[in-house]
Amino acid sequence: MPHRLTMSESVFPPTGEAAAGAHVSSLDQYRELYDRSINDPEGFWTEHAQRLHWFEPWHTLREWDYHKAEIGWVLGGKLNA
């Protein structure tokens, strides 16, 4: 039977170089970002979208209709992508 990794065995800490260049420097910071994304999605995603260069700004950050299975983000915005 093949060996299965336990949760403690499957954790691979980043190298010092990778950790130094990370945008999220700790589990606490990750949890703060996650909590904000849940509790203030408009503010969180607006802040992060503004970090990009937009050729045309968006007029609606997010819009959805679950009955039609339609979900849109940064509507009207235009990136070079």
Protein backbone atom coordinates (compact mmCIF):
# COMPACT_ATOMS: atom_id res chain seq x y z
CA MET A 1 0.00 0.00 0.00
CA PRO A 2 1.43 3.45 -0.89
CA HIS A 3 2.39 5.83 1.89
CA ARG A 4 -0.09 8.67 2.42
CA LEU A 5 1.07 12.03 3.68
CA THR A 6 -0.42 13.28 6.90
CA MET A 7 -1.35 16.94 7.22
CA SER A 8 1.87 17.70 9.11
CA GLU A 9 3.94 15.94 6.44
CA SER A 10 2.30 17.86 3.59
CA VAL A 11 3.34 21.32 4.81
CA PHE A 12 6.25 22.73 2.85
CA PRO A 13 7.52 26.05 4.25
CA PRO A 14 8.82 28.49 1.63
CA THR A 15 12.49 29.26 1.28
CA GLY A 16 13.74 32.48 2.86
CA GLU A 17 14.04 34.06 -0.58
CA ALA A 18 10.47 33.13 -1.54
CA ALA A 19 9.10 34.35 1.80
CA ALA A 20 10.96 37.67 1.46
CA GLY A 21 9.24 38.35 -1.87
CA ALA A 22 5.76 37.26 -0.82
CA HIS A 23 2.83 39.68 -0.99
CA VAL A 24 1.32 38.06 2.11
CA SER A 25 3.91 37.69 4.83
CA SER A 26 2.07 35.65 7.46
CA LEU A 27 -0.93 33.47 8.14
CA ASP A 28 -2.37 36.28 10.28
CA GLN A 29 -2.10 38.72 7.36
CA TYR A 30 -3.75 36.15 5.08
CA ARG A 31 -6.62 35.75 7.54
CA GLU A 32 -7.07 39.54 7.74
CA LEU A 33 -7.22 39.80 3.95
CA TYR A 34 -9.62 36.88 3.72
CA ASP A 35 -11.90 38.30 6.42
CA ARG A 36 -12.00 41.67 4.66
CA SER A 37 -12.81 40.00 1.32
CA ILE A 38 -15.82 38.36 2.99
CA ASN A 39 -16.98 41.26 5.19
CA ASP A 40 -16.27 44.14 2.78
CA PRO A 41 -16.10 42.66 -0.73
CA GLU A 42 -16.77 45.98 -2.48
CA GLY A 43 -13.94 47.76 -0.67
CA PHE A 44 -11.56 44.81 -0.86
CA TRP A 45 -11.94 44.12 -4.59
CA THR A 46 -12.09 47.81 -5.52
CA GLU A 47 -8.78 48.35 -3.73
CA HIS A 48 -7.16 45.40 -5.49
CA ALA A 49 -8.59 46.26 -8.91
CA GLN A 50 -7.22 49.79 -8.58
CA ARG A 51 -3.72 48.32 -8.41
CA LEU A 52 -4.02 47.51 -12.13
CA HIS A 53 -3.66 49.97 -15.00
CA TRP A 54 -7.06 50.39 -16.65
CA PHE A 55 -7.40 51.77 -20.19
CA GLU A 56 -11.05 52.39 -19.36
CA PRO A 57 -12.39 52.35 -15.78
CA TRP A 58 -15.21 50.05 -14.78
CA HIS A 59 -18.67 51.37 -13.98
CA THR A 60 -19.83 48.39 -11.89
CA LEU A 61 -17.49 46.35 -9.72
CA ARG A 62 -19.64 43.22 -9.59
CA GLU A 63 -23.06 42.12 -10.70
CA TRP A 64 -24.74 38.74 -10.59
CA ASP A 65 -27.90 36.85 -11.35
CA TYR A 66 -27.72 33.34 -9.94
CA HIS A 67 -30.97 32.33 -11.67
CA LYS A 68 -29.38 33.00 -15.07
CA ALA A 69 -25.92 31.85 -13.90
CA GLU A 70 -24.45 35.23 -14.90
CA ILE A 71 -21.65 36.75 -12.85
CA GLY A 72 -19.66 39.79 -13.93
CA TRP A 73 -16.71 41.66 -12.47
CA VAL A 74 -15.37 45.17 -13.25
CA LEU A 75 -18.04 45.71 -15.89
CA GLY A 76 -17.17 48.26 -18.53
CA GLY A 77 -13.49 48.21 -17.58
CA LYS A 78 -10.81 47.60 -20.17
CA LEU A 79 -7.33 46.20 -19.56
CA ASN A 80 -4.53 45.45 -21.98
CA ALA A 81 -5.21 41.73 -21.70
